[in-house]
Amino acid sequence: MSFDLSVWAMWDGASPADVRAAVQRCRQGQHVERYPDPRVVAFYRAVTAIYPDRPATPGTPWERAPLHAASDHVEMNLFPTCADQVLLDIERLAGEHGLMLFDLQDGSVYPPPAGQRPVPVQGR
């Protein structure tokens, strides 16, 4: 069984409940039709530069590859035995790119550190 995390590009003032609702919509196959959020693109490029997903080479943390990348989020299914450094890198990169981190195991939502809050998204 994989260890699942996702990062989300949300609007300023988004709450953990907003992230959980977005996750639920994704799980139901409902994805926002819009240009990819630059924060998501930058995160995807950064995380896959460290841990490639195309192709997933031996030793990468991805239980499922390629990663599920949508316009507003990236879902990562990791081997439960992946190194703690992988999780630290994901958390760091999410913060650097102003993304909210969702832990599917317990439903926790981690906002970016202070000073790296999500930026407003059009239409919100």
C-alpha atoms as a PDB file:
ATOM      1  CA  MET A   1       0.000   0.000   0.000  1.00  0.00           C
ATOM      2  CA  SER A   2       1.362   3.397  -0.969  1.00  0.00           C
ATOM      3  CA  PHE A   3       1.860   6.493   1.166  1.00  0.00           C
ATOM      4  CA  ASP A   4      -0.046   9.262  -0.607  1.00  0.00           C
ATOM      5  CA  LEU A   5       0.591  12.996  -0.575  1.00  0.00           C
ATOM      6  CA  SER A   6      -0.596  15.764  -2.848  1.00  0.00           C
ATOM      7  CA  VAL A   7       0.218  19.441  -3.232  1.00  0.00           C
ATOM      8  CA  TRP A   8      -2.427  22.004  -4.136  1.00  0.00           C
ATOM      9  CA  ALA A   9      -2.374  25.493  -5.650  1.00  0.00           C
ATOM     10  CA  MET A  10      -5.140  27.215  -3.723  1.00  0.00           C
ATOM     11  CA  TRP A  11      -6.342  30.790  -3.480  1.00  0.00           C
ATOM     12  CA  ASP A  12      -5.396  33.181  -0.707  1.00  0.00           C
ATOM     13  CA  GLY A  13      -7.419  32.363   2.386  1.00  0.00           C
ATOM     14  CA  ALA A  14      -8.141  28.754   1.375  1.00  0.00           C
ATOM     15  CA  SER A  15      -8.827  26.545   4.360  1.00  0.00           C
ATOM     16  CA  PRO A  16      -7.987  22.897   5.030  1.00  0.00           C
ATOM     17  CA  ALA A  17     -11.657  22.149   4.266  1.00  0.00           C
ATOM     18  CA  ASP A  18     -11.224  23.759   0.822  1.00  0.00           C
ATOM     19  CA  VAL A  19      -8.236  21.500   0.145  1.00  0.00           C
ATOM     20  CA  ARG A  20     -10.131  18.402   1.304  1.00  0.00           C
ATOM     21  CA  ALA A  21     -13.052  19.338  -0.982  1.00  0.00           C
ATOM     22  CA  ALA A  22     -10.656  19.728  -3.928  1.00  0.00           C
ATOM     23  CA  VAL A  23      -9.127  16.314  -3.141  1.00  0.00           C
ATOM     24  CA  GLN A  24     -12.599  14.760  -3.077  1.00  0.00           C
ATOM     25  CA  ARG A  25     -13.463  16.300  -6.460  1.00  0.00           C
ATOM     26  CA  CYS A  26     -10.220  14.912  -7.887  1.00  0.00           C
ATOM     27  CA  ARG A  27     -10.973  11.439  -6.529  1.00  0.00           C
ATOM     28  CA  GLN A  28     -14.346  11.643  -8.284  1.00  0.00           C
ATOM     29  CA  GLY A  29     -12.617  12.512 -11.567  1.00  0.00           C
ATOM     30  CA  GLN A  30     -13.635  16.168 -11.542  1.00  0.00           C
ATOM     31  CA  HIS A  31     -10.688  18.286 -12.632  1.00  0.00           C
ATOM     32  CA  VAL A  32     -10.590  22.016 -13.246  1.00  0.00           C
ATOM     33  CA  GLU A  33     -10.159  22.889 -16.908  1.00  0.00           C
ATOM     34  CA  ARG A  34      -7.642  25.722 -16.947  1.00  0.00           C
ATOM     35  CA  TYR A  35      -4.036  26.435 -17.689  1.00  0.00           C
ATOM     36  CA  PRO A  36      -1.667  24.744 -15.278  1.00  0.00           C
ATOM     37  CA  ASP A  37      -0.857  26.858 -12.256  1.00  0.00           C
ATOM     38  CA  PRO A  38       2.790  27.968 -12.524  1.00  0.00           C
ATOM     39  CA  ARG A  39       3.371  26.927  -8.904  1.00  0.00           C
ATOM     40  CA  VAL A  40       2.287  23.372  -9.699  1.00  0.00           C
ATOM     41  CA  VAL A  41       4.458  23.258 -12.816  1.00  0.00           C
ATOM     42  CA  ALA A  42       7.476  24.540 -10.894  1.00  0.00           C
ATOM     43  CA  PHE A  43       6.915  22.051  -8.065  1.00  0.00           C
ATOM     44  CA  TYR A  44       6.551  19.132 -10.496  1.00  0.00           C
ATOM     45  CA  ARG A  45       9.745  20.068 -12.305  1.00  0.00           C
ATOM     46  CA  ALA A  46      11.644  20.485  -9.034  1.00  0.00           C
ATOM     47  CA  VAL A  47      10.497  17.241  -7.408  1.00  0.00           C
ATOM     48  CA  THR A  48      11.032  15.154 -10.543  1.00  0.00           C
ATOM     49  CA  ALA A  49      14.478  16.679 -11.040  1.00  0.00           C
ATOM     50  CA  ILE A  50      15.418  15.086  -7.717  1.00  0.00           C
ATOM     51  CA  TYR A  51      13.251  11.946  -8.027  1.00  0.00           C
ATOM     52  CA  PRO A  52      12.497  11.182 -11.700  1.00  0.00           C
ATOM     53  CA  ASP A  53       9.099   9.731 -12.591  1.00  0.00           C
ATOM     54  CA  ARG A  54       9.489   9.322 -16.389  1.00  0.00           C
ATOM     55  CA  PRO A  55      10.640   6.666 -16.278  1.00  0.00           C
ATOM     56  CA  ALA A  56      10.671   5.851 -12.607  1.00  0.00           C
ATOM     57  CA  THR A  57      14.108   4.398 -12.129  1.00  0.00           C
ATOM     58  CA  PRO A  58      15.085   1.904  -9.445  1.00  0.00           C
ATOM     59  CA  GLY A  59      15.555   3.670  -6.152  1.00  0.00           C
ATOM     60  CA  THR A  60      12.998   6.418  -6.766  1.00  0.00           C
ATOM     61  CA  PRO A  61      10.313   6.771  -4.108  1.00  0.00           C
ATOM     62  CA  TRP A  62       7.319   6.527  -6.475  1.00  0.00           C
ATOM     63  CA  GLU A  63       5.112   3.476  -6.062  1.00  0.00           C
ATOM     64  CA  ARG A  64       3.076   4.709  -9.054  1.00  0.00           C
ATOM     65  CA  ALA A  65       4.641   6.641 -11.889  1.00  0.00           C
ATOM     66  CA  PRO A  66       4.322   8.929 -13.657  1.00  0.00           C
ATOM     67  CA  LEU A  67       2.927  11.219 -10.991  1.00  0.00           C
ATOM     68  CA  HIS A  68      -0.672  12.392 -11.365  1.00  0.00           C
ATOM     69  CA  ALA A  69      -0.298  16.041 -12.350  1.00  0.00           C
ATOM     70  CA  ALA A  70      -3.289  18.290 -12.996  1.00  0.00           C
ATOM     71  CA  SER A  71      -3.610  22.035 -13.471  1.00  0.00           C
ATOM     72  CA  ASP A  72      -3.977  22.710  -9.753  1.00  0.00           C
ATOM     73  CA  HIS A  73      -2.248  19.787  -8.027  1.00  0.00           C
ATOM     74  CA  VAL A  74       0.245  16.939  -8.108  1.00  0.00           C
ATOM     75  CA  GLU A  75      -0.535  13.612  -6.440  1.00  0.00           C
ATOM     76  CA  MET A  76       2.362  11.463  -5.297  1.00  0.00           C
ATOM     77  CA  ASN A  77       2.036   7.785  -4.393  1.00  0.00           C
ATOM     78  CA  LEU A  78       5.178   6.851  -2.507  1.00  0.00           C
ATOM     79  CA  PHE A  79       6.545   3.570  -1.263  1.00  0.00           C
ATOM     80  CA  PRO A  80       5.828   3.494   2.483  1.00  0.00           C
ATOM     81  CA  THR A  81       9.491   2.640   3.035  1.00  0.00           C
ATOM     82  CA  CYS A  82      10.823   5.714   1.227  1.00  0.00           C
ATOM     83  CA  ALA A  83      13.508   7.675   2.996  1.00  0.00           C
ATOM     84  CA  ASP A  84      12.466  10.467   5.367  1.00  0.00           C
ATOM     85  CA  GLN A  85      14.519  12.825   3.192  1.00  0.00           C
ATOM     86  CA  VAL A  86      11.991  12.363   0.367  1.00  0.00           C
ATOM     87  CA  LEU A  87       9.197  13.619   2.602  1.00  0.00           C
ATOM     88  CA  LEU A  88      11.325  16.513   3.802  1.00  0.00           C
ATOM     89  CA  ASP A  89      12.115  17.449   0.189  1.00  0.00           C
ATOM     90  CA  ILE A  90       8.430  17.336  -0.782  1.00  0.00           C
ATOM     91  CA  GLU A  91       7.486  19.493   2.208  1.00  0.00           C
ATOM     92  CA  ARG A  92      10.286  21.968   1.455  1.00  0.00           C
ATOM     93  CA  LEU A  93       9.401  22.226  -2.232  1.00  0.00           C
ATOM     94  CA  ALA A  94       5.694  22.653  -1.459  1.00  0.00           C
ATOM     95  CA  GLY A  95       6.593  25.551   0.835  1.00  0.00           C
ATOM     96  CA  GLU A  96       8.990  27.103  -1.676  1.00  0.00           C
ATOM     97  CA  HIS A  97       6.254  27.083  -4.315  1.00  0.00           C
ATOM     98  CA  GLY A  98       3.422  28.286  -2.057  1.00  0.00           C
ATOM     99  CA  LEU A  99       1.456  25.034  -2.263  1.00  0.00           C
ATOM    100  CA  MET A 100      -0.703  23.417   0.379  1.00  0.00           C
ATOM    101  CA  LEU A 101       0.270  19.835   1.248  1.00  0.00           C
ATOM    102  CA  PHE A 102      -2.414  17.176   1.799  1.00  0.00           C
ATOM    103  CA  ASP A 103      -1.672  13.910   3.631  1.00  0.00           C
ATOM    104  CA  LEU A 104      -4.227  11.330   2.494  1.00  0.00           C
ATOM    105  CA  GLN A 105      -3.449   8.981   5.374  1.00  0.00           C
ATOM    106  CA  ASP A 106      -4.981  11.202   8.045  1.00  0.00           C
ATOM    107  CA  GLY A 107      -6.476  14.090   6.054  1.00  0.00           C
ATOM    108  CA  SER A 108      -3.992  16.629   7.428  1.00  0.00           C
ATOM    109  CA  VAL A 109      -3.434  19.823   5.452  1.00  0.00           C
ATOM    110  CA  TYR A 110      -0.216  21.788   5.826  1.00  0.00           C
ATOM    111  CA  PRO A 111      -0.221  25.363   4.531  1.00  0.00           C
ATOM    112  CA  PRO A 112       2.951  26.969   3.201  1.00  0.00           C
ATOM    113  CA  PRO A 113       5.164  28.563   5.851  1.00  0.00           C
ATOM    114  CA  ALA A 114       4.410  32.174   6.759  1.00  0.00           C
ATOM    115  CA  GLY A 115       5.505  34.504   3.995  1.00  0.00           C
ATOM    116  CA  GLN A 116       4.793  31.883   1.343  1.00  0.00           C
ATOM    117  CA  ARG A 117       1.001  31.997   1.364  1.00  0.00           C
ATOM    118  CA  PRO A 118      -0.980  30.888  -1.689  1.00  0.00           C
ATOM    119  CA  VAL A 119      -1.594  33.654  -4.199  1.00  0.00           C
ATOM    120  CA  PRO A 120      -5.067  34.519  -5.445  1.00  0.00           C
ATOM    121  CA  VAL A 121      -6.374  32.473  -8.351  1.00  0.00           C
ATOM    122  CA  GLN A 122      -8.682  34.036 -10.898  1.00  0.00           C
ATOM    123  CA  GLY A 123     -12.337  33.292 -10.384  1.00  0.00           C
ATOM    124  CA  ARG A 124     -12.080  32.723  -6.626  1.00  0.00           C
END
